[in-house]
Amino acid sequence: MKITILGAGAFGTALGGVLAEKGYDIDYYDSQIQRRSLSEALSGAQTMILCVPSAAVPHLLPYLPKDKPMVVATKGILGKQAFSEFRDVMVLSGPGFADDIKARRETYLTATDERVVELFTTDYLNFDKTGDVQGVLLCGALKNVYAILAGWYGLTRGSVEWERYITEAAEEMQALISANGGEAATVDLACGIGDLKLTCGLPSRNYEYGQMLRSQQNTEPQKTVEGLTTLRKILKGDLAVPESAVHLRELMDLSKNWG
């Protein structure tokens, strides 16, 4: 079975390594590498796995076949409406850094389809499952935004202040997901509270970027910071933000001074 991974960055190659070890025929497409065309990479593929940065997703989707099953592993997408033209969309998300997967450290993830579980389950990758595609996508986007604010606050993982913030951020995520067509209970899964805890601290790029903003408010990140891309979408009105999302609203106000 051939699987094409769209995006040959750290996470894409980590997932590709898992699948290759399980005996799948893996091909990659990455516009930054451009060693082959998209049509060549997709030729004969039975499944696509989307791992490009979220900012690249709108530019890539029009060129993808709409009838092939697609696993979305990109975080930062504000809802399943982005894939309305696709017939078969699944999501893989959760607290897994690429380095952890490559090192075969025990990791718990969330899948929205049993086929994703069958593809990726190993003795070190474990899954919980939900059919809430909308909620899983939103968890993957929102946890990065909250990680930026955790860095801005300078919260130390495991401290009383950090624990309180995680609780409050998770409650806000539940309200946000409910207000945008998902299920609040999805936040209780690995893709929600698990990923939030992992991302709200080092070595998360989002947390690190929040730390940097304390002293350099007009600095653009040198690497992809998905939370910043997501925050800009939220500021444009791409997400309904309830009044109870106090921390998110604070970050939205803070960002007005970032240039």
C-alpha atoms as a PDB file:
ATOM      1  CA  MET A   1       0.000   0.000   0.000  1.00  0.00           C
ATOM      2  CA  LYS A   2       1.413   3.350  -1.056  1.00  0.00           C
ATOM      3  CA  ILE A   3       0.938   6.390   1.168  1.00  0.00           C
ATOM      4  CA  THR A   4       1.966   9.888   0.133  1.00  0.00           C
ATOM      5  CA  ILE A   5       2.977  12.314   2.855  1.00  0.00           C
ATOM      6  CA  LEU A   6       2.410  15.938   1.929  1.00  0.00           C
ATOM      7  CA  GLY A   7       5.157  17.806   3.770  1.00  0.00           C
ATOM      8  CA  ALA A   8       8.633  16.463   4.451  1.00  0.00           C
ATOM      9  CA  GLY A   9       9.347  18.445   7.593  1.00  0.00           C
ATOM     10  CA  ALA A  10      10.168  16.995  10.989  1.00  0.00           C
ATOM     11  CA  PHE A  11       6.680  15.730  11.783  1.00  0.00           C
ATOM     12  CA  GLY A  12       5.966  14.420   8.290  1.00  0.00           C
ATOM     13  CA  THR A  13       9.184  12.428   8.179  1.00  0.00           C
ATOM     14  CA  ALA A  14       8.582  11.140  11.724  1.00  0.00           C
ATOM     15  CA  LEU A  15       5.195   9.777  10.678  1.00  0.00           C
ATOM     16  CA  GLY A  16       6.697   8.462   7.465  1.00  0.00           C
ATOM     17  CA  GLY A  17       9.316   6.603   9.449  1.00  0.00           C
ATOM     18  CA  VAL A  18       6.638   4.871  11.523  1.00  0.00           C
ATOM     19  CA  LEU A  19       4.746   3.798   8.413  1.00  0.00           C
ATOM     20  CA  ALA A  20       7.874   2.669   6.567  1.00  0.00           C
ATOM     21  CA  GLU A  21       8.839   0.465   9.507  1.00  0.00           C
ATOM     22  CA  LYS A  22       5.389  -1.103   9.316  1.00  0.00           C
ATOM     23  CA  GLY A  23       5.991  -2.013   5.692  1.00  0.00           C
ATOM     24  CA  TYR A  24       4.085   0.678   3.812  1.00  0.00           C
ATOM     25  CA  ASP A  25       5.418   2.198   0.594  1.00  0.00           C
ATOM     26  CA  ILE A  26       6.023   5.849   1.530  1.00  0.00           C
ATOM     27  CA  ASP A  27       6.459   8.781  -0.814  1.00  0.00           C
ATOM     28  CA  TYR A  28       6.843  12.449   0.056  1.00  0.00           C
ATOM     29  CA  TYR A  29       5.873  15.677  -1.597  1.00  0.00           C
ATOM     30  CA  ASP A  30       7.249  18.988  -0.357  1.00  0.00           C
ATOM     31  CA  SER A  31       7.170  22.166  -2.429  1.00  0.00           C
ATOM     32  CA  GLN A  32      10.288  23.409  -0.625  1.00  0.00           C
ATOM     33  CA  ILE A  33      12.283  20.422  -1.867  1.00  0.00           C
ATOM     34  CA  GLN A  34      10.706  20.118  -5.336  1.00  0.00           C
ATOM     35  CA  ARG A  35      12.492  16.952  -6.324  1.00  0.00           C
ATOM     36  CA  ARG A  36       9.344  15.693  -8.037  1.00  0.00           C
ATOM     37  CA  SER A  37       5.898  16.896  -9.028  1.00  0.00           C
ATOM     38  CA  LEU A  38       2.784  16.537  -6.928  1.00  0.00           C
ATOM     39  CA  SER A  39       1.181  14.267  -9.506  1.00  0.00           C
ATOM     40  CA  GLU A  40       4.234  11.993  -9.466  1.00  0.00           C
ATOM     41  CA  ALA A  41       4.211  11.779  -5.692  1.00  0.00           C
ATOM     42  CA  LEU A  42       0.491  10.962  -5.612  1.00  0.00           C
ATOM     43  CA  SER A  43       0.582   8.433  -8.456  1.00  0.00           C
ATOM     44  CA  GLY A  44      -0.615   5.094  -7.134  1.00  0.00           C
ATOM     45  CA  ALA A  45      -1.144   6.397  -3.604  1.00  0.00           C
ATOM     46  CA  GLN A  46      -4.126   4.998  -1.730  1.00  0.00           C
ATOM     47  CA  THR A  47      -3.956   7.495   1.132  1.00  0.00           C
ATOM     48  CA  MET A  48      -2.630  11.039   1.607  1.00  0.00           C
ATOM     49  CA  ILE A  49      -1.292  12.401   4.891  1.00  0.00           C
ATOM     50  CA  LEU A  50      -1.330  16.189   5.203  1.00  0.00           C
ATOM     51  CA  CYS A  51       1.655  17.491   7.215  1.00  0.00           C
ATOM     52  CA  VAL A  52       2.403  20.888   5.670  1.00  0.00           C
ATOM     53  CA  PRO A  53       2.321  24.090   7.780  1.00  0.00           C
ATOM     54  CA  SER A  54      -1.243  25.350   8.177  1.00  0.00           C
ATOM     55  CA  ALA A  55      -0.491  28.514   6.171  1.00  0.00           C
ATOM     56  CA  ALA A  56       0.277  26.326   3.147  1.00  0.00           C
ATOM     57  CA  VAL A  57      -2.911  24.259   3.361  1.00  0.00           C
ATOM     58  CA  PRO A  58      -5.221  26.616   1.372  1.00  0.00           C
ATOM     59  CA  HIS A  59      -2.649  26.766  -1.435  1.00  0.00           C
ATOM     60  CA  LEU A  60      -2.238  22.988  -1.636  1.00  0.00           C
ATOM     61  CA  LEU A  61      -5.806  21.683  -1.237  1.00  0.00           C
ATOM     62  CA  PRO A  62      -7.082  22.765  -4.682  1.00  0.00           C
ATOM     63  CA  TYR A  63      -4.493  20.523  -6.349  1.00  0.00           C
ATOM     64  CA  LEU A  64      -5.212  17.374  -4.343  1.00  0.00           C
ATOM     65  CA  PRO A  65      -7.554  14.610  -5.549  1.00  0.00           C
ATOM     66  CA  LYS A  66     -10.879  14.879  -3.752  1.00  0.00           C
ATOM     67  CA  ASP A  67     -11.647  11.144  -3.815  1.00  0.00           C
ATOM     68  CA  LYS A  68      -8.559   9.785  -2.043  1.00  0.00           C
ATOM     69  CA  PRO A  69      -8.714   9.255   1.731  1.00  0.00           C
ATOM     70  CA  MET A  70      -6.753  11.966   3.558  1.00  0.00           C
ATOM     71  CA  VAL A  71      -5.363  11.979   7.090  1.00  0.00           C
ATOM     72  CA  VAL A  72      -4.922  15.532   8.370  1.00  0.00           C
ATOM     73  CA  ALA A  73      -1.910  15.773  10.693  1.00  0.00           C
ATOM     74  CA  THR A  74      -1.423  19.532  10.240  1.00  0.00           C
ATOM     75  CA  LYS A  75      -2.306  21.580  13.316  1.00  0.00           C
ATOM     76  CA  GLY A  76      -3.664  25.091  13.046  1.00  0.00           C
ATOM     77  CA  ILE A  77      -6.716  24.488  10.843  1.00  0.00           C
ATOM     78  CA  LEU A  78      -9.827  26.177  12.216  1.00  0.00           C
ATOM     79  CA  GLY A  79     -12.384  23.560  11.310  1.00  0.00           C
ATOM     80  CA  LYS A  80     -13.448  20.846   8.918  1.00  0.00           C
ATOM     81  CA  GLN A  81     -15.033  23.333   6.500  1.00  0.00           C
ATOM     82  CA  ALA A  82     -11.588  23.647   4.920  1.00  0.00           C
ATOM     83  CA  PHE A  83     -12.052  20.098   3.602  1.00  0.00           C
ATOM     84  CA  SER A  84     -15.663  20.353   2.458  1.00  0.00           C
ATOM     85  CA  GLU A  85     -14.796  19.210  -1.083  1.00  0.00           C
ATOM     86  CA  PHE A  86     -13.045  16.046   0.102  1.00  0.00           C
ATOM     87  CA  ARG A  87     -14.995  12.807   0.444  1.00  0.00           C
ATOM     88  CA  ASP A  88     -12.973  11.046   3.129  1.00  0.00           C
ATOM     89  CA  VAL A  89     -11.136  13.109   5.768  1.00  0.00           C
ATOM     90  CA  MET A  90      -9.624  11.760   8.991  1.00  0.00           C
ATOM     91  CA  VAL A  91      -7.559  13.560  11.630  1.00  0.00           C
ATOM     92  CA  LEU A  92      -4.479  12.537  13.590  1.00  0.00           C
ATOM     93  CA  SER A  93      -3.537  14.865  16.432  1.00  0.00           C
ATOM     94  CA  GLY A  94      -2.169  14.946  19.947  1.00  0.00           C
ATOM     95  CA  PRO A  95       0.883  15.514  22.141  1.00  0.00           C
ATOM     96  CA  GLY A  96       3.635  14.099  20.003  1.00  0.00           C
ATOM     97  CA  PHE A  97       6.783  16.019  19.105  1.00  0.00           C
ATOM     98  CA  ALA A  98       8.586  14.685  16.038  1.00  0.00           C
ATOM     99  CA  ASP A  99      11.689  13.900  18.096  1.00  0.00           C
ATOM    100  CA  ASP A 100       9.637  11.809  20.522  1.00  0.00           C
ATOM    101  CA  ILE A 101       8.168   9.747  17.710  1.00  0.00           C
ATOM    102  CA  LYS A 102      11.535   9.271  16.031  1.00  0.00           C
ATOM    103  CA  ALA A 103      13.024   8.183  19.363  1.00  0.00           C
ATOM    104  CA  ARG A 104      10.117   5.753  19.895  1.00  0.00           C
ATOM    105  CA  ARG A 105       9.095   7.327  23.169  1.00  0.00           C
ATOM    106  CA  GLU A 106       5.665   6.282  24.390  1.00  0.00           C
ATOM    107  CA  THR A 107       3.140   8.737  22.982  1.00  0.00           C
ATOM    108  CA  TYR A 108      -0.650   9.019  23.161  1.00  0.00           C
ATOM    109  CA  LEU A 109      -2.500  10.539  20.214  1.00  0.00           C
ATOM    110  CA  THR A 110      -6.083  11.033  19.047  1.00  0.00           C
ATOM    111  CA  ALA A 111      -7.592   9.641  15.832  1.00  0.00           C
ATOM    112  CA  THR A 112     -10.992  10.305  14.292  1.00  0.00           C
ATOM    113  CA  ASP A 113     -11.125   7.016  12.388  1.00  0.00           C
ATOM    114  CA  GLU A 114     -10.171   3.410  13.105  1.00  0.00           C
ATOM    115  CA  ARG A 115      -8.116   3.365   9.889  1.00  0.00           C
ATOM    116  CA  VAL A 116      -5.731   5.924  11.393  1.00  0.00           C
ATOM    117  CA  VAL A 117      -5.338   3.735  14.468  1.00  0.00           C
ATOM    118  CA  GLU A 118      -4.559   0.716  12.276  1.00  0.00           C
ATOM    119  CA  LEU A 119      -2.001   2.668  10.247  1.00  0.00           C
ATOM    120  CA  PHE A 120      -0.022   4.101  13.137  1.00  0.00           C
ATOM    121  CA  THR A 121      -0.419   1.918  16.216  1.00  0.00           C
ATOM    122  CA  THR A 122       2.920   0.548  17.424  1.00  0.00           C
ATOM    123  CA  ASP A 123       4.283  -0.532  20.792  1.00  0.00           C
ATOM    124  CA  TYR A 124       5.048   3.150  21.490  1.00  0.00           C
ATOM    125  CA  LEU A 125       2.161   4.955  19.724  1.00  0.00           C
ATOM    126  CA  ASN A 126      -1.241   4.598  21.395  1.00  0.00           C
ATOM    127  CA  PHE A 127      -4.587   6.186  20.552  1.00  0.00           C
ATOM    128  CA  ASP A 128      -7.880   7.379  21.912  1.00  0.00           C
ATOM    129  CA  LYS A 129     -10.615   7.899  19.336  1.00  0.00           C
ATOM    130  CA  THR A 130     -13.501  10.240  18.605  1.00  0.00           C
ATOM    131  CA  GLY A 131     -15.660  11.020  15.606  1.00  0.00           C
ATOM    132  CA  ASP A 132     -15.474  14.741  16.349  1.00  0.00           C
ATOM    133  CA  VAL A 133     -13.384  15.934  13.406  1.00  0.00           C
ATOM    134  CA  GLN A 134     -14.249  19.566  14.101  1.00  0.00           C
ATOM    135  CA  GLY A 135     -13.244  19.360  17.745  1.00  0.00           C
ATOM    136  CA  VAL A 136      -9.947  17.594  17.079  1.00  0.00           C
ATOM    137  CA  LEU A 137      -8.962  20.134  14.439  1.00  0.00           C
ATOM    138  CA  LEU A 138      -9.802  23.019  16.769  1.00  0.00           C
ATOM    139  CA  CYS A 139      -7.865  21.460  19.661  1.00  0.00           C
ATOM    140  CA  GLY A 140      -4.803  21.213  17.424  1.00  0.00           C
ATOM    141  CA  ALA A 141      -5.107  24.875  16.518  1.00  0.00           C
ATOM    142  CA  LEU A 142      -6.082  26.410  19.840  1.00  0.00           C
ATOM    143  CA  LYS A 143      -3.507  24.728  22.080  1.00  0.00           C
ATOM    144  CA  ASN A 144      -0.741  26.518  20.155  1.00  0.00           C
ATOM    145  CA  VAL A 145      -2.362  29.895  20.769  1.00  0.00           C
ATOM    146  CA  TYR A 146      -2.622  29.222  24.493  1.00  0.00           C
ATOM    147  CA  ALA A 147       1.011  28.117  24.505  1.00  0.00           C
ATOM    148  CA  ILE A 148       2.079  31.552  23.222  1.00  0.00           C
ATOM    149  CA  LEU A 149       0.295  33.201  26.134  1.00  0.00           C
ATOM    150  CA  ALA A 150       1.833  30.719  28.596  1.00  0.00           C
ATOM    151  CA  GLY A 151       5.243  31.791  27.319  1.00  0.00           C
ATOM    152  CA  TRP A 152       4.277  35.449  27.577  1.00  0.00           C
ATOM    153  CA  TYR A 153       3.253  34.886  31.193  1.00  0.00           C
ATOM    154  CA  GLY A 154       6.541  33.086  31.835  1.00  0.00           C
ATOM    155  CA  LEU A 155       4.774  30.124  33.428  1.00  0.00           C
ATOM    156  CA  THR A 156       6.936  27.253  34.648  1.00  0.00           C
ATOM    157  CA  ARG A 157       5.692  23.769  33.850  1.00  0.00           C
ATOM    158  CA  GLY A 158       4.344  22.087  36.982  1.00  0.00           C
ATOM    159  CA  SER A 159       4.027  25.257  39.066  1.00  0.00           C
ATOM    160  CA  VAL A 160       0.760  26.167  40.789  1.00  0.00           C
ATOM    161  CA  GLU A 161       0.317  29.072  38.368  1.00  0.00           C
ATOM    162  CA  TRP A 162       0.922  26.790  35.368  1.00  0.00           C
ATOM    163  CA  GLU A 163      -1.572  24.205  36.633  1.00  0.00           C
ATOM    164  CA  ARG A 164      -4.202  26.902  37.156  1.00  0.00           C
ATOM    165  CA  TYR A 165      -3.597  28.282  33.680  1.00  0.00           C
ATOM    166  CA  ILE A 166      -3.895  24.833  32.078  1.00  0.00           C
ATOM    167  CA  THR A 167      -7.243  24.301  33.820  1.00  0.00           C
ATOM    168  CA  GLU A 168      -8.551  27.678  32.720  1.00  0.00           C
ATOM    169  CA  ALA A 169      -7.239  27.298  29.157  1.00  0.00           C
ATOM    170  CA  ALA A 170      -8.869  23.863  28.844  1.00  0.00           C
ATOM    171  CA  GLU A 171     -12.191  25.315  30.008  1.00  0.00           C
ATOM    172  CA  GLU A 172     -11.885  28.091  27.438  1.00  0.00           C
ATOM    173  CA  MET A 173     -11.094  25.559  24.715  1.00  0.00           C
ATOM    174  CA  GLN A 174     -14.258  23.649  25.613  1.00  0.00           C
ATOM    175  CA  ALA A 175     -16.317  26.828  25.272  1.00  0.00           C
ATOM    176  CA  LEU A 176     -14.615  27.741  21.990  1.00  0.00           C
ATOM    177  CA  ILE A 177     -15.121  24.297  20.489  1.00  0.00           C
ATOM    178  CA  SER A 178     -18.789  24.224  21.540  1.00  0.00           C
ATOM    179  CA  ALA A 179     -19.324  27.665  20.008  1.00  0.00           C
ATOM    180  CA  ASN A 180     -17.789  26.497  16.730  1.00  0.00           C
ATOM    181  CA  GLY A 181     -19.587  23.222  16.099  1.00  0.00           C
ATOM    182  CA  GLY A 182     -17.443  20.708  17.973  1.00  0.00           C
ATOM    183  CA  GLU A 183     -17.874  18.644  21.131  1.00  0.00           C
ATOM    184  CA  ALA A 184     -16.556  20.078  24.404  1.00  0.00           C
ATOM    185  CA  ALA A 185     -15.652  16.588  25.660  1.00  0.00           C
ATOM    186  CA  THR A 186     -12.978  16.300  22.958  1.00  0.00           C
ATOM    187  CA  VAL A 187     -10.777  18.591  25.067  1.00  0.00           C
ATOM    188  CA  ASP A 188     -10.494  15.745  27.592  1.00  0.00           C
ATOM    189  CA  LEU A 189      -8.660  13.584  25.025  1.00  0.00           C
ATOM    190  CA  ALA A 190      -4.981  13.458  24.126  1.00  0.00           C
ATOM    191  CA  CYS A 191      -5.519  16.014  21.346  1.00  0.00           C
ATOM    192  CA  GLY A 192      -6.899  18.474  23.907  1.00  0.00           C
ATOM    193  CA  ILE A 193      -5.604  18.555  27.463  1.00  0.00           C
ATOM    194  CA  GLY A 194      -2.688  16.261  26.622  1.00  0.00           C
ATOM    195  CA  ASP A 195      -1.412  18.429  23.790  1.00  0.00           C
ATOM    196  CA  LEU A 196      -2.121  21.620  25.725  1.00  0.00           C
ATOM    197  CA  LYS A 197       0.093  20.465  28.596  1.00  0.00           C
ATOM    198  CA  LEU A 198       2.879  19.425  26.243  1.00  0.00           C
ATOM    199  CA  THR A 199       2.838  22.660  24.261  1.00  0.00           C
ATOM    200  CA  CYS A 200       2.624  25.121  27.170  1.00  0.00           C
ATOM    201  CA  GLY A 201       6.302  24.813  27.983  1.00  0.00           C
ATOM    202  CA  LEU A 202       9.698  24.258  26.420  1.00  0.00           C
ATOM    203  CA  PRO A 203      10.741  23.038  23.887  1.00  0.00           C
ATOM    204  CA  SER A 204       7.519  24.199  22.199  1.00  0.00           C
ATOM    205  CA  ARG A 205       8.169  26.861  19.542  1.00  0.00           C
ATOM    206  CA  ASN A 206       4.873  28.532  20.465  1.00  0.00           C
ATOM    207  CA  TYR A 207       5.811  28.815  24.144  1.00  0.00           C
ATOM    208  CA  GLU A 208       9.299  30.009  23.217  1.00  0.00           C
ATOM    209  CA  TYR A 209       7.855  32.639  20.888  1.00  0.00           C
ATOM    210  CA  GLY A 210       5.618  33.895  23.702  1.00  0.00           C
ATOM    211  CA  GLN A 211       8.691  34.260  25.918  1.00  0.00           C
ATOM    212  CA  MET A 212      10.499  36.203  23.214  1.00  0.00           C
ATOM    213  CA  LEU A 213       7.582  38.602  22.751  1.00  0.00           C
ATOM    214  CA  ARG A 214       7.986  39.848  26.308  1.00  0.00           C
ATOM    215  CA  SER A 215      11.128  41.735  25.281  1.00  0.00           C
ATOM    216  CA  GLN A 216      10.873  41.905  21.465  1.00  0.00           C
ATOM    217  CA  GLN A 217       7.261  42.601  20.639  1.00  0.00           C
ATOM    218  CA  ASN A 218       7.823  43.358  16.953  1.00  0.00           C
ATOM    219  CA  THR A 219       9.930  40.284  16.198  1.00  0.00           C
ATOM    220  CA  GLU A 220       8.762  37.801  13.576  1.00  0.00           C
ATOM    221  CA  PRO A 221       9.671  34.151  14.267  1.00  0.00           C
ATOM    222  CA  GLN A 222      12.444  32.580  12.218  1.00  0.00           C
ATOM    223  CA  LYS A 223      10.651  29.222  12.116  1.00  0.00           C
ATOM    224  CA  THR A 224       7.012  28.238  11.731  1.00  0.00           C
ATOM    225  CA  VAL A 225       4.982  29.157  14.820  1.00  0.00           C
ATOM    226  CA  GLU A 226       1.550  27.683  14.194  1.00  0.00           C
ATOM    227  CA  GLY A 227      -0.051  29.549  17.084  1.00  0.00           C
ATOM    228  CA  LEU A 228       0.775  32.883  15.474  1.00  0.00           C
ATOM    229  CA  THR A 229      -0.796  31.822  12.175  1.00  0.00           C
ATOM    230  CA  THR A 230      -3.891  30.658  14.056  1.00  0.00           C
ATOM    231  CA  LEU A 231      -4.083  33.849  16.111  1.00  0.00           C
ATOM    232  CA  ARG A 232      -4.052  35.933  12.935  1.00  0.00           C
ATOM    233  CA  LYS A 233      -6.976  33.882  11.600  1.00  0.00           C
ATOM    234  CA  ILE A 234      -8.881  34.429  14.830  1.00  0.00           C
ATOM    235  CA  LEU A 235      -8.229  38.176  14.663  1.00  0.00           C
ATOM    236  CA  LYS A 236      -9.708  38.148  11.141  1.00  0.00           C
ATOM    237  CA  GLY A 237     -12.924  36.685  12.534  1.00  0.00           C
ATOM    238  CA  ASP A 238     -12.463  33.075  11.413  1.00  0.00           C
ATOM    239  CA  LEU A 239     -13.525  31.765  14.841  1.00  0.00           C
ATOM    240  CA  ALA A 240     -16.437  32.609  17.121  1.00  0.00           C
ATOM    241  CA  VAL A 241     -14.887  33.721  20.430  1.00  0.00           C
ATOM    242  CA  PRO A 242     -17.260  33.620  23.427  1.00  0.00           C
ATOM    243  CA  GLU A 243     -16.943  36.172  26.238  1.00  0.00           C
ATOM    244  CA  SER A 244     -15.799  33.416  28.595  1.00  0.00           C
ATOM    245  CA  ALA A 245     -12.555  32.964  26.604  1.00  0.00           C
ATOM    246  CA  VAL A 246     -10.802  35.528  28.820  1.00  0.00           C
ATOM    247  CA  HIS A 247      -7.224  34.418  28.202  1.00  0.00           C
ATOM    248  CA  LEU A 248      -7.696  34.264  24.444  1.00  0.00           C
ATOM    249  CA  ARG A 249      -9.257  37.719  24.421  1.00  0.00           C
ATOM    250  CA  GLU A 250      -6.312  39.019  26.434  1.00  0.00           C
ATOM    251  CA  LEU A 251      -3.891  37.586  23.874  1.00  0.00           C
ATOM    252  CA  MET A 252      -5.902  39.122  21.053  1.00  0.00           C
ATOM    253  CA  ASP A 253      -5.569  42.518  22.739  1.00  0.00           C
ATOM    254  CA  LEU A 254      -1.862  42.044  23.429  1.00  0.00           C
ATOM    255  CA  SER A 255      -1.174  41.143  19.816  1.00  0.00           C
ATOM    256  CA  LYS A 256      -2.325  44.572  18.670  1.00  0.00           C
ATOM    257  CA  ASN A 257       0.997  45.925  20.010  1.00  0.00           C
ATOM    258  CA  TRP A 258       3.173  43.392  18.182  1.00  0.00           C
ATOM    259  CA  GLY A 259       3.436  45.300  14.933  1.00  0.00           C
END
